[in-house]
Each structure stands twice: as structure tokens, then as C-alpha cells.
Amino acid sequence: MNLRVPEDLDHRLDVLAAEEHTSKSALLLQGAELILQRHGRRREINEGLNFVMSHDAELLKRLEDA
């Protein structure tokens, strides 16, 4: 896979990679993993909310009216 990185971002990655004693590639892989985790967590939260809204709709309505 080829990845085109804007100059400014490439420079900032160089600096961070040097500070962290790692490669830019490793940093980008960490970033991709964080994005996937965040997306997965967001999906789990939405699924949980949908479950509550569908299974506890009557209870939620009674609480709303209380």
C-alpha cells in the first residue's frame, strides 16, 4: 500500500517518531488501530442504545411522563 502524506504531517510524524524511538509506519499503524477501536466502540454503544429503546420503550415512556 502506498500512502501520500502532506509535508506538514510527514514532518510532524518524523518528529514524533524520533521522540518515541519508533518508525512513522508504526505510528500510522497505531493511529489506524485507534480509529478502528473508536469506530467499534461507537457501534457497540449505538447497538446498546437501540436495544434499550426497543426493549424498554414502555418503561422509558412511563419515566418520561413521571
C-alpha atoms as a PDB file:
ATOM      1  CA  MET A   1       0.000   0.000   0.000  1.00  0.00           C
ATOM      2  CA  ASN A   2       1.181   3.483  -0.808  1.00  0.00           C
ATOM      3  CA  LEU A   3       0.238   6.406   1.339  1.00  0.00           C
ATOM      4  CA  ARG A   4       0.627  10.044   0.395  1.00  0.00           C
ATOM      5  CA  VAL A   5       1.121  12.219   3.449  1.00  0.00           C
ATOM      6  CA  PRO A   6       1.095  16.008   3.315  1.00  0.00           C
ATOM      7  CA  GLU A   7       4.508  17.570   4.010  1.00  0.00           C
ATOM      8  CA  ASP A   8       3.490  19.124   7.325  1.00  0.00           C
ATOM      9  CA  LEU A   9       2.059  15.864   8.634  1.00  0.00           C
ATOM     10  CA  ASP A  10       5.107  13.959   7.413  1.00  0.00           C
ATOM     11  CA  HIS A  11       7.390  16.365   9.280  1.00  0.00           C
ATOM     12  CA  ARG A  12       5.314  16.070  12.466  1.00  0.00           C
ATOM     13  CA  LEU A  13       5.444  12.284  12.171  1.00  0.00           C
ATOM     14  CA  ASP A  14       9.236  12.463  11.792  1.00  0.00           C
ATOM     15  CA  VAL A  15       9.488  14.478  14.999  1.00  0.00           C
ATOM     16  CA  LEU A  16       7.161  12.202  16.953  1.00  0.00           C
ATOM     17  CA  ALA A  17       8.814   9.041  15.634  1.00  0.00           C
ATOM     18  CA  ALA A  18      12.188  10.335  16.797  1.00  0.00           C
ATOM     19  CA  GLU A  19      10.794  11.246  20.213  1.00  0.00           C
ATOM     20  CA  GLU A  20       9.122   7.851  20.595  1.00  0.00           C
ATOM     21  CA  HIS A  21      12.068   5.904  19.130  1.00  0.00           C
ATOM     22  CA  THR A  22       9.812   4.225  16.613  1.00  0.00           C
ATOM     23  CA  SER A  23       9.023   4.427  12.915  1.00  0.00           C
ATOM     24  CA  LYS A  24       6.467   6.540  11.135  1.00  0.00           C
ATOM     25  CA  SER A  25       4.942   3.325   9.876  1.00  0.00           C
ATOM     26  CA  ALA A  26       4.438   2.092  13.451  1.00  0.00           C
ATOM     27  CA  LEU A  27       2.817   5.405  14.386  1.00  0.00           C
ATOM     28  CA  LEU A  28       0.433   5.211  11.439  1.00  0.00           C
ATOM     29  CA  LEU A  29      -0.483   1.629  12.338  1.00  0.00           C
ATOM     30  CA  GLN A  30      -1.220   2.732  15.905  1.00  0.00           C
ATOM     31  CA  GLY A  31      -3.410   5.515  14.543  1.00  0.00           C
ATOM     32  CA  ALA A  32      -5.322   3.118  12.302  1.00  0.00           C
ATOM     33  CA  GLU A  33      -5.878   0.774  15.254  1.00  0.00           C
ATOM     34  CA  LEU A  34      -7.225   3.633  17.385  1.00  0.00           C
ATOM     35  CA  ILE A  35      -9.658   4.641  14.628  1.00  0.00           C
ATOM     36  CA  LEU A  36     -10.919   1.060  14.314  1.00  0.00           C
ATOM     37  CA  GLN A  37     -11.321   0.747  18.092  1.00  0.00           C
ATOM     38  CA  ARG A  38     -13.215   4.048  18.288  1.00  0.00           C
ATOM     39  CA  HIS A  39     -15.492   3.015  15.438  1.00  0.00           C
ATOM     40  CA  GLY A  40     -16.142  -0.367  17.057  1.00  0.00           C
ATOM     41  CA  ARG A  41     -16.909   1.228  20.409  1.00  0.00           C
ATOM     42  CA  ARG A  42     -19.300   3.712  18.784  1.00  0.00           C
ATOM     43  CA  ARG A  43     -21.071   0.815  17.048  1.00  0.00           C
ATOM     44  CA  GLU A  44     -21.390  -1.075  20.361  1.00  0.00           C
ATOM     45  CA  ILE A  45     -22.869   1.994  22.069  1.00  0.00           C
ATOM     46  CA  ASN A  46     -25.377   2.517  19.245  1.00  0.00           C
ATOM     47  CA  GLU A  47     -26.390  -1.141  19.359  1.00  0.00           C
ATOM     48  CA  GLY A  48     -26.861  -0.896  23.126  1.00  0.00           C
ATOM     49  CA  LEU A  49     -28.991   2.230  22.792  1.00  0.00           C
ATOM     50  CA  ASN A  50     -31.089   0.620  20.076  1.00  0.00           C
ATOM     51  CA  PHE A  51     -31.606  -2.424  22.290  1.00  0.00           C
ATOM     52  CA  VAL A  52     -32.738  -0.309  25.239  1.00  0.00           C
ATOM     53  CA  MET A  53     -35.019   1.821  23.072  1.00  0.00           C
ATOM     54  CA  SER A  54     -36.698  -1.237  21.561  1.00  0.00           C
ATOM     55  CA  HIS A  55     -36.895  -3.453  24.674  1.00  0.00           C
ATOM     56  CA  ASP A  56     -37.624  -0.794  27.280  1.00  0.00           C
ATOM     57  CA  ALA A  57     -39.739   1.635  25.249  1.00  0.00           C
ATOM     58  CA  GLU A  58     -42.746   1.306  27.568  1.00  0.00           C
ATOM     59  CA  LEU A  59     -40.629   1.895  30.686  1.00  0.00           C
ATOM     60  CA  LEU A  60     -38.943   4.899  29.102  1.00  0.00           C
ATOM     61  CA  LYS A  61     -42.345   6.350  28.200  1.00  0.00           C
ATOM     62  CA  ARG A  62     -43.558   5.939  31.807  1.00  0.00           C
ATOM     63  CA  LEU A  63     -40.401   7.624  33.113  1.00  0.00           C
ATOM     64  CA  GLU A  64     -40.872  10.456  30.660  1.00  0.00           C
ATOM     65  CA  ASP A  65     -44.415  11.017  31.939  1.00  0.00           C
ATOM     66  CA  ALA A  66     -43.429  10.833  35.629  1.00  0.00           C
END
